[in-house]
Amino acid sequence: GRIRIVQKPVTVDKGRPKPSFRPLTAAEKVKLSGTVGMIEDDGLRAALERLGATILGQKKV
């Protein structure tokens, strides 16, 4: 067998579009802040708040 090398522009697969999430209600924001509020590490707390907002925003109404 032979190997054939072809030089051409790279194609970029756009993949699936990023899903959009609904905004959280005030009650959900308060609950989320209360859940992660006791975490002392600022970076970890912020990351968990973003994760929680994403998870809560995915739920269908």
N, C-alpha and C. Protein backbone atom coordinates (compact mmCIF):
# COMPACT_ATOMS: atom_id res chain seq x y z
N GLY A 1 0.81 -1.18 0.00
CA GLY A 1 0.00 0.00 0.00
C GLY A 1 0.86 1.25 0.00
N ARG A 2 0.30 2.27 -0.52
CA ARG A 2 0.98 3.56 -0.60
C ARG A 2 0.28 4.57 0.30
N ILE A 3 1.05 5.48 0.81
CA ILE A 3 0.51 6.58 1.59
C ILE A 3 0.51 7.81 0.70
N ARG A 4 -0.63 8.46 0.64
CA ARG A 4 -0.74 9.66 -0.19
C ARG A 4 -0.93 10.86 0.72
N ILE A 5 -0.06 11.84 0.59
CA ILE A 5 -0.14 13.05 1.40
C ILE A 5 -0.77 14.14 0.56
N VAL A 6 -1.87 14.70 1.08
CA VAL A 6 -2.59 15.76 0.38
C VAL A 6 -2.56 17.00 1.26
N GLN A 7 -2.13 18.12 0.69
CA GLN A 7 -2.07 19.36 1.45
C GLN A 7 -3.25 20.23 1.02
N LYS A 8 -4.12 20.55 1.99
CA LYS A 8 -5.28 21.40 1.70
C LYS A 8 -5.67 22.13 2.97
N PRO A 9 -6.55 23.12 2.87
CA PRO A 9 -6.96 23.86 4.07
C PRO A 9 -7.64 22.95 5.09
N VAL A 10 -7.43 23.28 6.35
CA VAL A 10 -8.03 22.52 7.43
C VAL A 10 -9.50 22.90 7.54
N THR A 11 -10.36 21.90 7.63
CA THR A 11 -11.78 22.17 7.83
C THR A 11 -12.09 22.07 9.32
N VAL A 12 -12.88 23.01 9.79
CA VAL A 12 -13.22 23.05 11.20
C VAL A 12 -14.66 22.57 11.36
N ASP A 13 -14.83 21.56 12.18
CA ASP A 13 -16.17 21.05 12.47
C ASP A 13 -16.80 21.95 13.52
N LYS A 14 -17.90 22.60 13.16
CA LYS A 14 -18.54 23.52 14.10
C LYS A 14 -19.28 22.80 15.21
N GLY A 15 -19.60 21.55 15.00
CA GLY A 15 -20.26 20.77 16.05
C GLY A 15 -21.65 21.30 16.36
N ARG A 16 -22.12 20.90 17.51
CA ARG A 16 -23.45 21.33 17.94
C ARG A 16 -23.37 22.76 18.48
N PRO A 17 -24.43 23.53 18.28
CA PRO A 17 -24.43 24.87 18.86
C PRO A 17 -24.51 24.80 20.38
N LYS A 18 -23.95 25.79 21.04
CA LYS A 18 -23.96 25.84 22.49
C LYS A 18 -25.40 26.01 22.97
N PRO A 19 -25.84 25.19 23.91
CA PRO A 19 -27.22 25.33 24.38
C PRO A 19 -27.39 26.63 25.16
N SER A 20 -28.59 27.20 25.05
CA SER A 20 -28.86 28.41 25.81
C SER A 20 -29.65 28.02 27.07
N PHE A 21 -29.41 28.75 28.13
CA PHE A 21 -30.04 28.44 29.41
C PHE A 21 -30.95 29.59 29.81
N ARG A 22 -32.02 29.25 30.46
CA ARG A 22 -32.94 30.28 30.92
C ARG A 22 -32.34 30.99 32.12
N PRO A 23 -32.67 32.27 32.30
CA PRO A 23 -32.16 32.97 33.48
C PRO A 23 -32.80 32.43 34.75
N LEU A 24 -32.05 32.47 35.85
CA LEU A 24 -32.57 31.97 37.11
C LEU A 24 -33.54 32.96 37.73
N THR A 25 -34.51 32.43 38.43
CA THR A 25 -35.44 33.29 39.17
C THR A 25 -34.72 33.80 40.41
N ALA A 26 -35.31 34.81 41.04
CA ALA A 26 -34.71 35.36 42.26
C ALA A 26 -34.64 34.30 43.35
N ALA A 27 -35.68 33.47 43.45
CA ALA A 27 -35.70 32.41 44.47
C ALA A 27 -34.60 31.39 44.21
N GLU A 28 -34.37 31.05 42.95
CA GLU A 28 -33.31 30.09 42.62
C GLU A 28 -31.93 30.67 42.95
N LYS A 29 -31.75 31.96 42.67
CA LYS A 29 -30.47 32.61 42.98
C LYS A 29 -30.21 32.61 44.48
N VAL A 30 -31.24 32.91 45.27
CA VAL A 30 -31.10 32.92 46.73
C VAL A 30 -30.77 31.52 47.23
N LYS A 31 -31.47 30.52 46.73
CA LYS A 31 -31.23 29.14 47.15
C LYS A 31 -29.81 28.70 46.79
N LEU A 32 -29.37 29.05 45.59
CA LEU A 32 -28.03 28.68 45.14
C LEU A 32 -26.96 29.37 46.00
N SER A 33 -27.15 30.65 46.27
CA SER A 33 -26.19 31.38 47.11
C SER A 33 -26.13 30.79 48.51
N GLY A 34 -27.28 30.40 49.04
CA GLY A 34 -27.30 29.78 50.36
C GLY A 34 -26.62 28.43 50.38
N THR A 35 -26.75 27.70 49.30
CA THR A 35 -26.16 26.37 49.22
C THR A 35 -24.63 26.44 49.22
N VAL A 36 -24.08 27.36 48.46
CA VAL A 36 -22.62 27.43 48.34
C VAL A 36 -22.00 28.52 49.22
N GLY A 37 -22.82 29.23 49.96
CA GLY A 37 -22.35 30.36 50.75
C GLY A 37 -21.37 30.01 51.85
N MET A 38 -21.40 28.81 52.36
CA MET A 38 -20.52 28.42 53.47
C MET A 38 -19.13 28.00 53.00
N ILE A 39 -18.92 27.92 51.70
CA ILE A 39 -17.62 27.51 51.17
C ILE A 39 -16.66 28.68 51.28
N GLU A 40 -15.53 28.46 51.93
CA GLU A 40 -14.58 29.55 52.21
C GLU A 40 -13.74 29.95 51.01
N ASP A 41 -13.38 29.01 50.17
CA ASP A 41 -12.53 29.29 49.02
C ASP A 41 -13.33 30.05 47.96
N ASP A 42 -12.92 31.29 47.66
CA ASP A 42 -13.66 32.13 46.72
C ASP A 42 -13.75 31.52 45.32
N GLY A 43 -12.65 30.98 44.84
CA GLY A 43 -12.63 30.39 43.50
C GLY A 43 -13.55 29.19 43.39
N LEU A 44 -13.49 28.33 44.41
CA LEU A 44 -14.34 27.14 44.41
C LEU A 44 -15.81 27.54 44.51
N ARG A 45 -16.11 28.50 45.37
CA ARG A 45 -17.50 28.95 45.53
C ARG A 45 -18.04 29.53 44.22
N ALA A 46 -17.23 30.35 43.54
CA ALA A 46 -17.66 30.93 42.26
C ALA A 46 -17.88 29.85 41.20
N ALA A 47 -16.99 28.86 41.17
CA ALA A 47 -17.13 27.78 40.20
C ALA A 47 -18.39 26.97 40.46
N LEU A 48 -18.66 26.70 41.73
CA LEU A 48 -19.87 25.94 42.08
C LEU A 48 -21.14 26.74 41.81
N GLU A 49 -21.07 28.06 41.98
CA GLU A 49 -22.23 28.89 41.64
C GLU A 49 -22.51 28.84 40.14
N ARG A 50 -21.45 28.91 39.33
CA ARG A 50 -21.64 28.81 37.88
C ARG A 50 -22.20 27.45 37.48
N LEU A 51 -21.67 26.40 38.10
CA LEU A 51 -22.16 25.05 37.82
C LEU A 51 -23.63 24.92 38.21
N GLY A 52 -23.97 25.40 39.39
CA GLY A 52 -25.36 25.34 39.84
C GLY A 52 -26.29 26.13 38.95
N ALA A 53 -25.86 27.32 38.51
CA ALA A 53 -26.69 28.13 37.63
C ALA A 53 -26.92 27.43 36.29
N THR A 54 -25.89 26.76 35.80
CA THR A 54 -26.02 26.02 34.55
C THR A 54 -26.99 24.86 34.71
N ILE A 55 -26.87 24.13 35.79
CA ILE A 55 -27.75 22.98 36.02
C ILE A 55 -29.19 23.43 36.20
N LEU A 56 -29.40 24.45 37.02
CA LEU A 56 -30.76 24.94 37.24
C LEU A 56 -31.35 25.56 35.98
N GLY A 57 -30.52 26.20 35.16
CA GLY A 57 -30.98 26.82 33.93
C GLY A 57 -31.35 25.83 32.85
N GLN A 58 -30.87 24.59 32.97
CA GLN A 58 -31.18 23.56 31.98
C GLN A 58 -32.57 22.99 32.15
N LYS A 59 -33.08 23.01 33.36
CA LYS A 59 -34.36 22.37 33.63
C LYS A 59 -35.48 23.03 32.84
N LYS A 60 -36.34 22.23 32.31
CA LYS A 60 -37.50 22.73 31.58
C LYS A 60 -38.52 23.27 32.56
N VAL A 61 -39.17 24.33 32.15
CA VAL A 61 -40.18 24.94 33.03
C VAL A 61 -41.51 24.28 32.80
